[in-house]
Amino acid sequence: MLFISHFFLGFSISFIGTIPPSTFNLLAIKRATSTGLRKAMIFAYGAVLIEFFYCFFAVIFSRYFLANKNISDLIELIAVPVFILLAYLFLTKKHVEPTANEQTPKGSNDFVQGLFIGLINPTQITFWLGYSTYFISIGWMKEEWLSMTSFVIGVCAGSLAMLFIYAYYCKKWFYGNTPKLFTEKVLNKIVGFIFIGLALIQAGKLVWTHYIS
């Protein structure tokens, strides 16, 4: 029973948390509308695999992070220049028409790109750290290996489910007729501005935490 309840707790939070526009679902949409559902989900598997390790790390070491807040603060501080750099890369990236070889659906590049997009977002650690410590404090999560593992599996399942919904319906509606919103040039701009927004949010959060509150 604990396994099921922890699974659905993680699933619900992750499923809802993946709804707002982000680098994950926008890039999954791009692949779904241009190359199909299969490549979009291969990308999603890579991103969610990294989320599994980040979330598992946050949940297992939640008590340690609470006792050593400087570590989580350092993670959030490092995220600011990383997000700014990524914003610059996406906003200045030039569109290059793929060659015939690049258009061949191999899948491996999509998985690696998913891993990369997941890896460059270490704030997932502090995100899941906050939720796990809160759930532990109110008694919704038990500090047992099986319970915490089922929570993390639920988190990954929730992310994959919402990414699949995005990819499936965008592929169904737009595959072979990609709307202007999902072109590489436009999506690069959107993702770049999302990273700028994330950098501003992180910077504002740090200023509020250390200088105002």
N, C-alpha and C. Protein backbone atom coordinates (compact mmCIF):
# COMPACT_ATOMS: atom_id res chain seq x y z
N MET A 1 0.83 -1.21 0.00
CA MET A 1 0.00 0.00 0.00
C MET A 1 0.87 1.26 0.00
N LEU A 2 1.94 1.26 0.83
CA LEU A 2 2.84 2.40 0.87
C LEU A 2 3.50 2.63 -0.49
N PHE A 3 3.85 1.52 -1.15
CA PHE A 3 4.49 1.61 -2.46
C PHE A 3 3.56 2.33 -3.44
N ILE A 4 2.28 1.95 -3.44
CA ILE A 4 1.31 2.54 -4.38
C ILE A 4 1.06 4.01 -4.04
N SER A 5 0.90 4.32 -2.76
CA SER A 5 0.61 5.70 -2.36
C SER A 5 1.79 6.62 -2.68
N HIS A 6 3.01 6.15 -2.45
CA HIS A 6 4.18 6.96 -2.75
C HIS A 6 4.36 7.13 -4.27
N PHE A 7 4.04 6.08 -5.00
CA PHE A 7 4.13 6.16 -6.46
C PHE A 7 3.19 7.23 -6.99
N PHE A 8 1.93 7.22 -6.57
CA PHE A 8 0.95 8.17 -7.07
C PHE A 8 1.21 9.58 -6.55
N LEU A 9 1.83 9.70 -5.39
CA LEU A 9 2.22 11.02 -4.89
C LEU A 9 3.26 11.64 -5.82
N GLY A 10 4.30 10.87 -6.14
CA GLY A 10 5.32 11.35 -7.06
C GLY A 10 4.77 11.59 -8.45
N PHE A 11 3.91 10.68 -8.91
CA PHE A 11 3.31 10.79 -10.25
C PHE A 11 2.50 12.07 -10.37
N SER A 12 1.66 12.35 -9.38
CA SER A 12 0.77 13.52 -9.43
C SER A 12 1.55 14.82 -9.48
N ILE A 13 2.55 14.96 -8.59
CA ILE A 13 3.34 16.19 -8.54
C ILE A 13 4.09 16.40 -9.85
N SER A 14 4.70 15.34 -10.36
CA SER A 14 5.49 15.45 -11.60
C SER A 14 4.60 15.69 -12.81
N PHE A 15 3.47 15.00 -12.88
CA PHE A 15 2.55 15.15 -14.01
C PHE A 15 2.07 16.59 -14.12
N ILE A 16 1.66 17.16 -13.00
CA ILE A 16 1.18 18.54 -12.99
C ILE A 16 2.33 19.51 -13.26
N GLY A 17 3.51 19.21 -12.68
CA GLY A 17 4.65 20.09 -12.83
C GLY A 17 5.21 20.15 -14.24
N THR A 18 4.88 19.16 -15.08
CA THR A 18 5.38 19.12 -16.45
C THR A 18 4.44 19.83 -17.42
N ILE A 19 3.28 20.28 -16.93
CA ILE A 19 2.30 20.94 -17.81
C ILE A 19 2.80 22.29 -18.33
N PRO A 20 3.37 23.18 -17.48
CA PRO A 20 3.79 24.49 -17.99
C PRO A 20 4.88 24.36 -19.06
N PRO A 21 4.94 25.30 -20.01
CA PRO A 21 5.98 25.26 -21.04
C PRO A 21 7.38 25.23 -20.44
N SER A 22 8.21 24.34 -20.92
CA SER A 22 9.58 24.21 -20.45
C SER A 22 10.44 23.71 -21.59
N THR A 23 11.75 23.65 -21.36
CA THR A 23 12.64 23.14 -22.40
C THR A 23 12.30 21.71 -22.74
N PHE A 24 11.88 20.91 -21.73
CA PHE A 24 11.57 19.50 -21.96
C PHE A 24 10.41 19.33 -22.94
N ASN A 25 9.25 19.91 -22.59
CA ASN A 25 8.08 19.64 -23.43
C ASN A 25 8.13 20.38 -24.77
N LEU A 26 8.79 21.55 -24.83
CA LEU A 26 8.89 22.25 -26.10
C LEU A 26 9.77 21.49 -27.09
N LEU A 27 10.89 20.94 -26.60
CA LEU A 27 11.78 20.18 -27.49
C LEU A 27 11.15 18.84 -27.86
N ALA A 28 10.37 18.26 -26.94
CA ALA A 28 9.65 17.03 -27.27
C ALA A 28 8.60 17.31 -28.35
N ILE A 29 7.92 18.45 -28.25
CA ILE A 29 6.94 18.84 -29.26
C ILE A 29 7.61 19.03 -30.62
N LYS A 30 8.78 19.67 -30.61
CA LYS A 30 9.50 19.89 -31.87
C LYS A 30 9.81 18.57 -32.56
N ARG A 31 10.27 17.59 -31.80
CA ARG A 31 10.59 16.30 -32.39
C ARG A 31 9.33 15.57 -32.86
N ALA A 32 8.26 15.70 -32.10
CA ALA A 32 7.01 15.02 -32.46
C ALA A 32 6.44 15.57 -33.77
N THR A 33 6.50 16.89 -33.94
CA THR A 33 5.91 17.51 -35.12
C THR A 33 6.79 17.39 -36.35
N SER A 34 8.10 17.23 -36.16
CA SER A 34 9.00 17.19 -37.30
C SER A 34 9.47 15.78 -37.65
N THR A 35 9.70 14.94 -36.65
CA THR A 35 10.26 13.60 -36.93
C THR A 35 9.40 12.46 -36.39
N GLY A 36 8.33 12.77 -35.65
CA GLY A 36 7.44 11.72 -35.20
C GLY A 36 7.50 11.42 -33.71
N LEU A 37 6.53 10.65 -33.25
CA LEU A 37 6.36 10.35 -31.83
C LEU A 37 7.53 9.54 -31.27
N ARG A 38 8.03 8.59 -32.04
CA ARG A 38 9.09 7.71 -31.55
C ARG A 38 10.33 8.50 -31.13
N LYS A 39 10.79 9.40 -31.98
CA LYS A 39 11.98 10.18 -31.67
C LYS A 39 11.73 11.15 -30.52
N ALA A 40 10.50 11.66 -30.43
CA ALA A 40 10.16 12.55 -29.32
C ALA A 40 10.24 11.81 -27.99
N MET A 41 9.77 10.56 -27.97
CA MET A 41 9.80 9.80 -26.72
C MET A 41 11.21 9.32 -26.38
N ILE A 42 12.04 9.05 -27.40
CA ILE A 42 13.44 8.70 -27.13
C ILE A 42 14.13 9.88 -26.44
N PHE A 43 13.85 11.09 -26.92
CA PHE A 43 14.37 12.29 -26.27
C PHE A 43 13.86 12.38 -24.82
N ALA A 44 12.57 12.12 -24.63
CA ALA A 44 11.97 12.19 -23.30
C ALA A 44 12.59 11.17 -22.35
N TYR A 45 12.88 9.96 -22.84
CA TYR A 45 13.50 8.94 -22.00
C TYR A 45 14.85 9.42 -21.48
N GLY A 46 15.63 10.07 -22.33
CA GLY A 46 16.92 10.58 -21.90
C GLY A 46 16.78 11.65 -20.83
N ALA A 47 15.86 12.59 -21.04
CA ALA A 47 15.67 13.67 -20.06
C ALA A 47 15.16 13.13 -18.73
N VAL A 48 14.23 12.18 -18.78
CA VAL A 48 13.63 11.63 -17.56
C VAL A 48 14.63 10.73 -16.83
N LEU A 49 15.53 10.09 -17.55
CA LEU A 49 16.55 9.27 -16.88
C LEU A 49 17.41 10.13 -15.96
N ILE A 50 17.79 11.31 -16.43
CA ILE A 50 18.55 12.23 -15.58
C ILE A 50 17.70 12.71 -14.41
N GLU A 51 16.42 12.96 -14.67
CA GLU A 51 15.52 13.38 -13.59
C GLU A 51 15.43 12.29 -12.52
N PHE A 52 15.46 11.03 -12.92
CA PHE A 52 15.43 9.93 -11.96
C PHE A 52 16.59 10.05 -10.98
N PHE A 53 17.79 10.24 -11.51
CA PHE A 53 18.98 10.31 -10.65
C PHE A 53 18.97 11.58 -9.80
N TYR A 54 18.58 12.71 -10.37
CA TYR A 54 18.51 13.96 -9.60
C TYR A 54 17.49 13.83 -8.47
N CYS A 55 16.31 13.30 -8.80
CA CYS A 55 15.25 13.17 -7.80
C CYS A 55 15.65 12.16 -6.72
N PHE A 56 16.21 11.03 -7.13
CA PHE A 56 16.62 10.01 -6.17
C PHE A 56 17.68 10.57 -5.23
N PHE A 57 18.63 11.31 -5.79
CA PHE A 57 19.69 11.94 -4.99
C PHE A 57 19.08 12.90 -3.97
N ALA A 58 18.13 13.73 -4.41
CA ALA A 58 17.50 14.72 -3.53
C ALA A 58 16.72 14.05 -2.41
N VAL A 59 15.98 12.99 -2.75
CA VAL A 59 15.15 12.31 -1.75
C VAL A 59 16.01 11.58 -0.72
N ILE A 60 17.01 10.85 -1.19
CA ILE A 60 17.85 10.07 -0.29
C ILE A 60 18.65 10.95 0.66
N PHE A 61 19.14 12.08 0.14
CA PHE A 61 19.99 12.95 0.95
C PHE A 61 19.26 14.20 1.45
N SER A 62 17.95 14.12 1.53
CA SER A 62 17.17 15.30 1.96
C SER A 62 17.57 15.76 3.36
N ARG A 63 17.76 14.83 4.28
CA ARG A 63 18.15 15.20 5.64
C ARG A 63 19.52 15.86 5.65
N TYR A 64 20.44 15.34 4.86
CA TYR A 64 21.79 15.91 4.80
C TYR A 64 21.75 17.31 4.22
N PHE A 65 20.95 17.52 3.18
CA PHE A 65 20.85 18.84 2.57
C PHE A 65 20.23 19.85 3.54
N LEU A 66 19.27 19.39 4.33
CA LEU A 66 18.65 20.29 5.30
C LEU A 66 19.65 20.75 6.35
N ALA A 67 20.56 19.83 6.72
CA ALA A 67 21.57 20.16 7.72
C ALA A 67 22.73 20.96 7.12
N ASN A 68 22.85 20.95 5.79
CA ASN A 68 23.94 21.66 5.10
C ASN A 68 23.35 22.50 3.98
N LYS A 69 22.64 23.55 4.36
CA LYS A 69 21.91 24.36 3.38
C LYS A 69 22.84 25.04 2.38
N ASN A 70 24.11 25.23 2.74
CA ASN A 70 25.04 25.89 1.81
C ASN A 70 25.19 25.12 0.50
N ILE A 71 25.02 23.79 0.57
CA ILE A 71 25.18 22.97 -0.64
C ILE A 71 24.05 23.25 -1.61
N SER A 72 22.82 23.25 -1.13
CA SER A 72 21.69 23.53 -2.02
C SER A 72 21.74 24.97 -2.52
N ASP A 73 22.23 25.91 -1.69
CA ASP A 73 22.39 27.29 -2.14
C ASP A 73 23.42 27.39 -3.25
N LEU A 74 24.50 26.59 -3.13
CA LEU A 74 25.54 26.59 -4.17
C LEU A 74 24.99 26.06 -5.49
N ILE A 75 24.16 25.03 -5.42
CA ILE A 75 23.55 24.48 -6.64
C ILE A 75 22.71 25.54 -7.34
N GLU A 76 21.92 26.27 -6.56
CA GLU A 76 21.06 27.29 -7.15
C GLU A 76 21.89 28.46 -7.69
N LEU A 77 23.00 28.77 -7.01
CA LEU A 77 23.86 29.85 -7.48
C LEU A 77 24.53 29.50 -8.81
N ILE A 78 25.03 28.27 -8.91
CA ILE A 78 25.67 27.81 -10.14
C ILE A 78 24.68 27.81 -11.31
N ALA A 79 23.41 27.54 -11.00
CA ALA A 79 22.39 27.45 -12.05
C ALA A 79 22.21 28.77 -12.79
N VAL A 80 22.44 29.91 -12.12
CA VAL A 80 22.20 31.22 -12.75
C VAL A 80 23.10 31.43 -13.97
N PRO A 81 24.45 31.33 -13.83
CA PRO A 81 25.29 31.50 -15.03
C PRO A 81 25.09 30.40 -16.07
N VAL A 82 24.75 29.20 -15.63
CA VAL A 82 24.49 28.11 -16.57
C VAL A 82 23.27 28.44 -17.42
N PHE A 83 22.19 28.91 -16.80
CA PHE A 83 20.99 29.27 -17.54
C PHE A 83 21.25 30.44 -18.50
N ILE A 84 22.05 31.41 -18.05
CA ILE A 84 22.38 32.56 -18.92
C ILE A 84 23.17 32.08 -20.14
N LEU A 85 24.14 31.20 -19.92
CA LEU A 85 24.94 30.66 -21.02
C LEU A 85 24.06 29.90 -22.01
N LEU A 86 23.17 29.08 -21.49
CA LEU A 86 22.28 28.30 -22.37
C LEU A 86 21.33 29.21 -23.12
N ALA A 87 20.85 30.27 -22.47
CA ALA A 87 19.98 31.23 -23.14
C ALA A 87 20.73 31.86 -24.32
N TYR A 88 21.97 32.23 -24.10
CA TYR A 88 22.77 32.82 -25.16
C TYR A 88 22.96 31.85 -26.33
N LEU A 89 23.25 30.60 -26.01
CA LEU A 89 23.48 29.59 -27.04
C LEU A 89 22.23 29.36 -27.89
N PHE A 90 21.06 29.28 -27.23
CA PHE A 90 19.82 29.05 -27.98
C PHE A 90 19.41 30.29 -28.78
N LEU A 91 19.57 31.48 -28.21
CA LEU A 91 19.14 32.70 -28.88
C LEU A 91 20.03 33.04 -30.08
N THR A 92 21.29 32.64 -30.03
CA THR A 92 22.22 32.95 -31.13
C THR A 92 22.44 31.77 -32.07
N LYS A 93 21.79 30.64 -31.80
CA LYS A 93 21.97 29.47 -32.64
C LYS A 93 21.38 29.72 -34.02
N LYS A 94 22.14 29.41 -35.06
CA LYS A 94 21.69 29.61 -36.44
C LYS A 94 21.07 28.33 -36.95
N HIS A 95 20.01 28.51 -37.71
CA HIS A 95 19.33 27.36 -38.29
C HIS A 95 20.14 26.80 -39.45
N VAL A 96 20.36 25.49 -39.43
CA VAL A 96 21.08 24.81 -40.50
C VAL A 96 20.20 23.68 -41.01
N GLU A 97 19.99 23.67 -42.30
CA GLU A 97 19.17 22.60 -42.89
C GLU A 97 19.88 21.26 -42.73
N PRO A 98 19.19 20.22 -42.20
CA PRO A 98 19.82 18.92 -42.01
C PRO A 98 20.13 18.24 -43.33
N THR A 99 21.23 17.50 -43.31
CA THR A 99 21.59 16.73 -44.49
C THR A 99 20.76 15.46 -44.54
N ALA A 100 20.91 14.70 -45.63
CA ALA A 100 20.14 13.45 -45.77
C ALA A 100 20.48 12.48 -44.67
N ASN A 101 21.76 12.45 -44.27
CA ASN A 101 22.17 11.53 -43.19
C ASN A 101 21.56 11.93 -41.87
N GLU A 102 21.49 13.24 -41.62
CA GLU A 102 20.93 13.71 -40.35
C GLU A 102 19.44 13.47 -40.29
N GLN A 103 18.79 13.38 -41.47
CA GLN A 103 17.35 13.18 -41.47
C GLN A 103 16.99 11.70 -41.24
N THR A 104 17.96 10.83 -41.32
CA THR A 104 17.70 9.41 -41.09
C THR A 104 17.43 9.17 -39.62
N PRO A 105 16.30 8.59 -39.23
CA PRO A 105 15.95 8.42 -37.82
C PRO A 105 16.77 7.33 -37.16
N LYS A 106 17.81 7.74 -36.45
CA LYS A 106 18.64 6.77 -35.74
C LYS A 106 18.23 6.66 -34.28
N GLY A 107 17.81 7.78 -33.69
CA GLY A 107 17.32 7.73 -32.31
C GLY A 107 18.38 8.02 -31.28
N SER A 108 19.65 7.62 -31.53
CA SER A 108 20.68 7.76 -30.51
C SER A 108 20.92 9.23 -30.17
N ASN A 109 20.93 10.12 -31.19
CA ASN A 109 21.16 11.53 -30.92
C ASN A 109 20.05 12.12 -30.06
N ASP A 110 18.83 11.70 -30.29
CA ASP A 110 17.71 12.21 -29.49
C ASP A 110 17.86 11.83 -28.03
N PHE A 111 18.28 10.60 -27.77
CA PHE A 111 18.46 10.15 -26.39
C PHE A 111 19.58 10.93 -25.71
N VAL A 112 20.68 11.12 -26.41
CA VAL A 112 21.81 11.87 -25.86
C VAL A 112 21.42 13.32 -25.60
N GLN A 113 20.67 13.92 -26.52
CA GLN A 113 20.22 15.29 -26.32
C GLN A 113 19.27 15.39 -25.13
N GLY A 114 18.45 14.35 -24.94
CA GLY A 114 17.59 14.32 -23.77
C GLY A 114 18.40 14.26 -22.49
N LEU A 115 19.44 13.44 -22.49
CA LEU A 115 20.34 13.36 -21.34
C LEU A 115 20.97 14.72 -21.05
N PHE A 116 21.40 15.39 -22.12
CA PHE A 116 22.06 16.68 -21.96
C PHE A 116 21.11 17.73 -21.38
N ILE A 117 19.90 17.81 -21.95
CA ILE A 117 18.93 18.80 -21.46
C ILE A 117 18.58 18.54 -20.00
N GLY A 118 18.48 17.26 -19.62
CA GLY A 118 18.21 16.94 -18.23
C GLY A 118 19.39 17.27 -17.33
N LEU A 119 20.60 17.01 -17.82
CA LEU A 119 21.81 17.21 -17.03
C LEU A 119 22.06 18.66 -16.71
N ILE A 120 21.74 19.57 -17.64
CA ILE A 120 22.05 20.98 -17.44
C ILE A 120 21.00 21.69 -16.59
N ASN A 121 20.11 20.93 -15.99
CA ASN A 121 19.09 21.54 -15.12
C ASN A 121 19.20 20.96 -13.71
N PRO A 122 20.31 21.27 -13.00
CA PRO A 122 20.50 20.72 -11.65
C PRO A 122 19.52 21.26 -10.62
N THR A 123 18.76 22.31 -10.98
CA THR A 123 17.78 22.84 -10.03
C THR A 123 16.67 21.83 -9.75
N GLN A 124 16.61 20.76 -10.55
CA GLN A 124 15.68 19.68 -10.24
C GLN A 124 15.98 19.10 -8.86
N ILE A 125 17.26 19.14 -8.48
CA ILE A 125 17.65 18.61 -7.16
C ILE A 125 16.97 19.42 -6.06
N THR A 126 17.08 20.75 -6.14
CA THR A 126 16.48 21.58 -5.10
C THR A 126 14.95 21.54 -5.17
N PHE A 127 14.41 21.40 -6.38
CA PHE A 127 12.95 21.29 -6.55
C PHE A 127 12.42 20.07 -5.81
N TRP A 128 13.02 18.90 -6.08
CA TRP A 128 12.56 17.67 -5.43
C TRP A 128 13.01 17.59 -3.99
N LEU A 129 14.08 18.28 -3.65
CA LEU A 129 14.49 18.37 -2.25
C LEU A 129 13.41 19.06 -1.43
N GLY A 130 12.88 20.16 -1.99
CA GLY A 130 11.82 20.89 -1.28
C GLY A 130 10.58 20.05 -1.09
N TYR A 131 10.14 19.37 -2.14
CA TYR A 131 8.94 18.54 -2.03
C TYR A 131 9.15 17.35 -1.10
N SER A 132 10.29 16.68 -1.21
CA SER A 132 10.52 15.47 -0.40
C SER A 132 10.60 15.81 1.08
N THR A 133 11.31 16.90 1.42
CA THR A 133 11.41 17.27 2.84
C THR A 133 10.05 17.70 3.39
N TYR A 134 9.25 18.38 2.54
CA TYR A 134 7.90 18.78 2.97
C TYR A 134 7.03 17.56 3.21
N PHE A 135 7.04 16.62 2.28
CA PHE A 135 6.22 15.42 2.42
C PHE A 135 6.66 14.57 3.61
N ILE A 136 7.96 14.54 3.88
CA ILE A 136 8.46 13.80 5.04
C ILE A 136 7.99 14.48 6.32
N SER A 137 8.05 15.81 6.34
CA SER A 137 7.69 16.56 7.55
C SER A 137 6.22 16.42 7.92
N ILE A 138 5.34 16.26 6.90
CA ILE A 138 3.91 16.14 7.19
C ILE A 138 3.46 14.67 7.24
N GLY A 139 4.41 13.77 7.06
CA GLY A 139 4.11 12.35 7.19
C GLY A 139 3.59 11.66 5.95
N TRP A 140 3.62 12.35 4.80
CA TRP A 140 3.14 11.74 3.57
C TRP A 140 4.17 10.81 2.94
N MET A 141 5.44 11.01 3.29
CA MET A 141 6.50 10.17 2.75
C MET A 141 7.28 9.53 3.89
N LYS A 142 7.49 8.23 3.78
CA LYS A 142 8.25 7.49 4.77
C LYS A 142 9.72 7.40 4.33
N GLU A 143 10.61 7.56 5.29
CA GLU A 143 12.04 7.49 4.98
C GLU A 143 12.50 6.03 4.94
N GLU A 144 11.94 5.30 4.01
CA GLU A 144 12.32 3.91 3.79
C GLU A 144 12.70 3.77 2.32
N TRP A 145 13.66 2.88 2.05
CA TRP A 145 14.17 2.76 0.69
C TRP A 145 13.07 2.42 -0.32
N LEU A 146 12.19 1.50 0.03
CA LEU A 146 11.14 1.09 -0.90
C LEU A 146 10.18 2.24 -1.17
N SER A 147 9.80 2.94 -0.12
CA SER A 147 8.85 4.05 -0.27
C SER A 147 9.46 5.18 -1.08
N MET A 148 10.71 5.55 -0.79
CA MET A 148 11.35 6.64 -1.50
C MET A 148 11.62 6.27 -2.96
N THR A 149 11.96 5.00 -3.20
CA THR A 149 12.19 4.55 -4.57
C THR A 149 10.90 4.59 -5.37
N SER A 150 9.80 4.17 -4.76
CA SER A 150 8.51 4.19 -5.46
C SER A 150 8.09 5.63 -5.76
N PHE A 151 8.42 6.57 -4.88
CA PHE A 151 8.12 7.98 -5.11
C PHE A 151 8.88 8.47 -6.34
N VAL A 152 10.17 8.14 -6.43
CA VAL A 152 11.00 8.58 -7.55
C VAL A 152 10.53 7.95 -8.86
N ILE A 153 10.16 6.68 -8.82
CA ILE A 153 9.62 6.01 -10.02
C ILE A 153 8.33 6.70 -10.46
N GLY A 154 7.50 7.08 -9.50
CA GLY A 154 6.27 7.80 -9.81
C GLY A 154 6.55 9.15 -10.45
N VAL A 155 7.59 9.83 -9.96
CA VAL A 155 8.00 11.12 -10.54
C VAL A 155 8.35 10.95 -12.01
N CYS A 156 9.17 9.95 -12.32
CA CYS A 156 9.58 9.70 -13.71
C CYS A 156 8.39 9.31 -14.58
N ALA A 157 7.49 8.48 -14.04
CA ALA A 157 6.31 8.06 -14.79
C ALA A 157 5.41 9.25 -15.08
N GLY A 158 5.27 10.16 -14.12
CA GLY A 158 4.45 11.35 -14.33
C GLY A 158 5.01 12.26 -15.41
N SER A 159 6.33 12.45 -15.39
CA SER A 159 6.97 13.28 -16.42
C SER A 159 6.80 12.66 -17.80
N LEU A 160 7.03 11.34 -17.90
CA LEU A 160 6.90 10.66 -19.18
C LEU A 160 5.47 10.70 -19.70
N ALA A 161 4.51 10.55 -18.78
CA ALA A 161 3.10 10.56 -19.19
C ALA A 161 2.71 11.90 -19.80
N MET A 162 3.10 13.00 -19.15
CA MET A 162 2.75 14.32 -19.68
C MET A 162 3.51 14.62 -20.96
N LEU A 163 4.79 14.24 -21.03
CA LEU A 163 5.55 14.44 -22.26
C LEU A 163 4.96 13.64 -23.41
N PHE A 164 4.46 12.43 -23.10
CA PHE A 164 3.82 11.61 -24.13
C PHE A 164 2.55 12.29 -24.64
N ILE A 165 1.76 12.85 -23.73
CA ILE A 165 0.53 13.54 -24.13
C ILE A 165 0.86 14.72 -25.05
N TYR A 166 1.85 15.52 -24.64
CA TYR A 166 2.27 16.64 -25.49
C TYR A 166 2.68 16.13 -26.87
N ALA A 167 3.59 15.14 -26.88
CA ALA A 167 4.14 14.64 -28.14
C ALA A 167 3.07 13.98 -29.01
N TYR A 168 2.21 13.19 -28.38
CA TYR A 168 1.20 12.44 -29.13
C TYR A 168 0.23 13.36 -29.84
N TYR A 169 -0.32 14.32 -29.11
CA TYR A 169 -1.33 15.18 -29.73
C TYR A 169 -0.72 16.18 -30.71
N CYS A 170 0.50 16.63 -30.43
CA CYS A 170 1.14 17.53 -31.40
C CYS A 170 1.50 16.77 -32.67
N LYS A 171 1.93 15.50 -32.52
CA LYS A 171 2.22 14.68 -33.68
C LYS A 171 0.93 14.41 -34.47
N LYS A 172 -0.15 14.13 -33.74
CA LYS A 172 -1.43 13.82 -34.38
C LYS A 172 -1.97 15.01 -35.16
N TRP A 173 -1.80 16.21 -34.60
CA TRP A 173 -2.38 17.39 -35.21
C TRP A 173 -1.47 18.04 -36.26
N PHE A 174 -0.15 17.96 -36.02
CA PHE A 174 0.75 18.78 -36.83
C PHE A 174 1.84 18.02 -37.58
N TYR A 175 1.95 16.70 -37.43
CA TYR A 175 3.04 15.97 -38.07
C TYR A 175 2.97 16.11 -39.58
N GLY A 176 4.09 16.50 -40.17
CA GLY A 176 4.15 16.72 -41.61
C GLY A 176 3.68 18.10 -42.04
N ASN A 177 3.13 18.85 -41.08
CA ASN A 177 2.66 20.21 -41.36
C ASN A 177 2.95 21.08 -40.15
N THR A 178 4.23 21.15 -39.79
CA THR A 178 4.66 21.83 -38.57
C THR A 178 4.26 23.30 -38.59
N PRO A 179 3.49 23.76 -37.61
CA PRO A 179 3.11 25.17 -37.57
C PRO A 179 4.32 26.05 -37.28
N LYS A 180 4.19 27.35 -37.58
CA LYS A 180 5.31 28.27 -37.42
C LYS A 180 5.83 28.32 -35.99
N LEU A 181 4.96 28.08 -35.02
CA LEU A 181 5.38 28.13 -33.62
C LEU A 181 6.41 27.06 -33.30
N PHE A 182 6.38 25.93 -34.01
CA PHE A 182 7.24 24.80 -33.69
C PHE A 182 8.46 24.69 -34.60
N THR A 183 8.73 25.72 -35.43
CA THR A 183 9.92 25.68 -36.25
C THR A 183 11.15 25.82 -35.37
N GLU A 184 12.29 25.32 -35.86
CA GLU A 184 13.51 25.33 -35.04
C GLU A 184 13.90 26.74 -34.62
N LYS A 185 13.80 27.69 -35.52
CA LYS A 185 14.19 29.06 -35.22
C LYS A 185 13.34 29.65 -34.10
N VAL A 186 12.03 29.47 -34.20
CA VAL A 186 11.12 30.02 -33.18
C VAL A 186 11.31 29.30 -31.83
N LEU A 187 11.42 27.97 -31.89
CA LEU A 187 11.59 27.22 -30.65
C LEU A 187 12.91 27.57 -29.95
N ASN A 188 13.96 27.79 -30.72
CA ASN A 188 15.23 28.20 -30.12
C ASN A 188 15.07 29.51 -29.36
N LYS A 189 14.31 30.43 -29.95
CA LYS A 189 14.06 31.71 -29.27
C LYS A 189 13.24 31.51 -27.99
N ILE A 190 12.20 30.68 -28.09
CA ILE A 190 11.34 30.43 -26.93
C ILE A 190 12.14 29.78 -25.81
N VAL A 191 12.91 28.74 -26.16
CA VAL A 191 13.72 28.05 -25.15
C VAL A 191 14.75 29.00 -24.55
N GLY A 192 15.35 29.84 -25.39
CA GLY A 192 16.31 30.82 -24.90
C GLY A 192 15.69 31.76 -23.88
N PHE A 193 14.49 32.26 -24.18
CA PHE A 193 13.82 33.17 -23.24
C PHE A 193 13.36 32.44 -21.98
N ILE A 194 13.04 31.16 -22.10
CA ILE A 194 12.71 30.37 -20.91
C ILE A 194 13.92 30.30 -19.99
N PHE A 195 15.11 30.07 -20.57
CA PHE A 195 16.33 30.03 -19.77
C PHE A 195 16.62 31.38 -19.13
N ILE A 196 16.34 32.47 -19.85
CA ILE A 196 16.51 33.80 -19.26
C ILE A 196 15.58 33.96 -18.07
N GLY A 197 14.31 33.51 -18.25
CA GLY A 197 13.36 33.57 -17.15
C GLY A 197 13.79 32.75 -15.96
N LEU A 198 14.32 31.56 -16.21
CA LEU A 198 14.80 30.70 -15.13
C LEU A 198 15.97 31.36 -14.40
N ALA A 199 16.86 32.00 -15.16
CA ALA A 199 18.01 32.68 -14.54
C ALA A 199 17.54 33.82 -13.66
N LEU A 200 16.55 34.60 -14.13
CA LEU A 200 16.02 35.71 -13.35
C LEU A 200 15.31 35.21 -12.09
N ILE A 201 14.55 34.12 -12.23
CA ILE A 201 13.85 33.55 -11.08
C ILE A 201 14.86 33.07 -10.04
N GLN A 202 15.91 32.37 -10.51
CA GLN A 202 16.94 31.88 -9.59
C GLN A 202 17.65 33.03 -8.89
N ALA A 203 18.02 34.06 -9.66
CA ALA A 203 18.71 35.20 -9.08
C ALA A 203 17.81 35.92 -8.07
N GLY A 204 16.53 36.10 -8.45
CA GLY A 204 15.60 36.74 -7.53
C GLY A 204 15.39 35.94 -6.26
N LYS A 205 15.32 34.63 -6.41
CA LYS A 205 15.15 33.76 -5.25
C LYS A 205 16.34 33.86 -4.30
N LEU A 206 17.55 33.90 -4.87
CA LEU A 206 18.76 34.01 -4.05
C LEU A 206 18.83 35.36 -3.33
N VAL A 207 18.49 36.43 -4.06
CA VAL A 207 18.50 37.77 -3.45
C VAL A 207 17.47 37.85 -2.33
N TRP A 208 16.27 37.30 -2.59
CA TRP A 208 15.21 37.33 -1.58
C TRP A 208 15.61 36.54 -0.33
N THR A 209 16.20 35.37 -0.56
CA THR A 209 16.57 34.47 0.55
C THR A 209 17.68 35.07 1.41
N HIS A 210 18.69 35.68 0.79
CA HIS A 210 19.89 36.07 1.51
C HIS A 210 19.95 37.56 1.89
N TYR A 211 19.14 38.40 1.22
CA TYR A 211 19.28 39.83 1.49
C TYR A 211 17.99 40.52 1.91
N ILE A 212 16.83 39.90 1.63
CA ILE A 212 15.58 40.58 1.95
C ILE A 212 14.83 39.89 3.08
N SER A 213 14.62 38.56 2.97
CA SER A 213 13.81 37.86 3.99
C SER A 213 14.58 37.75 5.31
